Amino acid sequence: GITMANLSILKSGKARAVRFSTLDEICRVLECQPGDILEYVDEKAYKKLMRS
C-alpha cells in the first residue's frame, strides 16, 4: 500500500519522482488512468509558479 506520509508528499507537490508501483496503486484504487491524475508542467513555469 501507500503510506499517509507518501500521499502527503504527493499532494503537496514536493515529490521529486513517483514510482510506477505507486502510480499503479493510486490508479487501481481510484479506478482511473495515469493521465487522469497527472499533468505536465514546464519546469520554467513551475518555478515561476512556486515563487509567486
C-alpha atoms as a PDB file:
ATOM      1  CA  GLY A   1       0.000   0.000   0.000  1.00  0.00           C
ATOM      2  CA  ILE A   2       0.832   3.669   0.115  1.00  0.00           C
ATOM      3  CA  THR A   3       1.662   5.377   3.383  1.00  0.00           C
ATOM      4  CA  MET A   4      -0.029   8.567   4.530  1.00  0.00           C
ATOM      5  CA  ALA A   5       3.393  10.243   4.523  1.00  0.00           C
ATOM      6  CA  ASN A   6       3.882   9.411   0.840  1.00  0.00           C
ATOM      7  CA  LEU A   7       0.385  10.626  -0.019  1.00  0.00           C
ATOM      8  CA  SER A   8       1.120  13.873   1.797  1.00  0.00           C
ATOM      9  CA  ILE A   9       4.323  14.393  -0.200  1.00  0.00           C
ATOM     10  CA  LEU A  10       2.475  13.741  -3.457  1.00  0.00           C
ATOM     11  CA  LYS A  11      -0.385  16.057  -2.521  1.00  0.00           C
ATOM     12  CA  SER A  12       1.946  18.889  -1.522  1.00  0.00           C
ATOM     13  CA  GLY A  13       3.783  18.726  -4.844  1.00  0.00           C
ATOM     14  CA  LYS A  14       7.106  18.118  -3.107  1.00  0.00           C
ATOM     15  CA  ALA A  15       7.685  14.687  -4.637  1.00  0.00           C
ATOM     16  CA  ARG A  16      10.705  14.608  -6.930  1.00  0.00           C
ATOM     17  CA  ALA A  17       9.611  11.343  -8.535  1.00  0.00           C
ATOM     18  CA  VAL A  18       6.803   8.811  -8.428  1.00  0.00           C
ATOM     19  CA  ARG A  19       7.436   5.085  -8.640  1.00  0.00           C
ATOM     20  CA  PHE A  20       5.431   3.208 -11.226  1.00  0.00           C
ATOM     21  CA  SER A  21       4.244   0.877  -8.477  1.00  0.00           C
ATOM     22  CA  THR A  22       2.888   3.873  -6.530  1.00  0.00           C
ATOM     23  CA  LEU A  23       1.189   5.287  -9.614  1.00  0.00           C
ATOM     24  CA  ASP A  24      -0.253   1.858 -10.366  1.00  0.00           C
ATOM     25  CA  GLU A  25      -1.658   1.542  -6.844  1.00  0.00           C
ATOM     26  CA  ILE A  26      -3.236   5.010  -6.930  1.00  0.00           C
ATOM     27  CA  CYS A  27      -4.824   4.348 -10.325  1.00  0.00           C
ATOM     28  CA  ARG A  28      -6.082   0.948  -9.196  1.00  0.00           C
ATOM     29  CA  VAL A  29      -7.747   2.390  -6.091  1.00  0.00           C
ATOM     30  CA  LEU A  30      -9.216   5.377  -7.936  1.00  0.00           C
ATOM     31  CA  GLU A  31     -10.131   3.273 -10.985  1.00  0.00           C
ATOM     32  CA  CYS A  32      -8.516   5.782 -13.329  1.00  0.00           C
ATOM     33  CA  GLN A  33      -5.722   6.144 -15.871  1.00  0.00           C
ATOM     34  CA  PRO A  34      -2.432   7.961 -15.136  1.00  0.00           C
ATOM     35  CA  GLY A  35      -3.423  10.785 -17.487  1.00  0.00           C
ATOM     36  CA  ASP A  36      -6.480  11.418 -15.327  1.00  0.00           C
ATOM     37  CA  ILE A  37      -4.318  12.427 -12.365  1.00  0.00           C
ATOM     38  CA  LEU A  38      -1.055  13.656 -13.920  1.00  0.00           C
ATOM     39  CA  GLU A  39      -0.408  16.966 -15.630  1.00  0.00           C
ATOM     40  CA  TYR A  40       2.728  18.036 -17.472  1.00  0.00           C
ATOM     41  CA  VAL A  41       4.048  21.371 -16.226  1.00  0.00           C
ATOM     42  CA  ASP A  42       7.014  23.038 -17.913  1.00  0.00           C
ATOM     43  CA  GLU A  43       9.914  23.375 -15.460  1.00  0.00           C
ATOM     44  CA  LYS A  44      10.252  27.143 -16.003  1.00  0.00           C
ATOM     45  CA  ALA A  45       6.518  27.659 -15.499  1.00  0.00           C
ATOM     46  CA  TYR A  46       6.631  25.523 -12.346  1.00  0.00           C
ATOM     47  CA  LYS A  47       9.493  27.528 -10.848  1.00  0.00           C
ATOM     48  CA  LYS A  48       7.685  30.779 -11.654  1.00  0.00           C
ATOM     49  CA  LEU A  49       4.516  29.440 -10.041  1.00  0.00           C
ATOM     50  CA  MET A  50       6.377  28.385  -6.901  1.00  0.00           C
ATOM     51  CA  ARG A  51       7.919  31.868  -6.499  1.00  0.00           C
ATOM     52  CA  SER A  52       4.546  33.628  -6.527  1.00  0.00           C
END
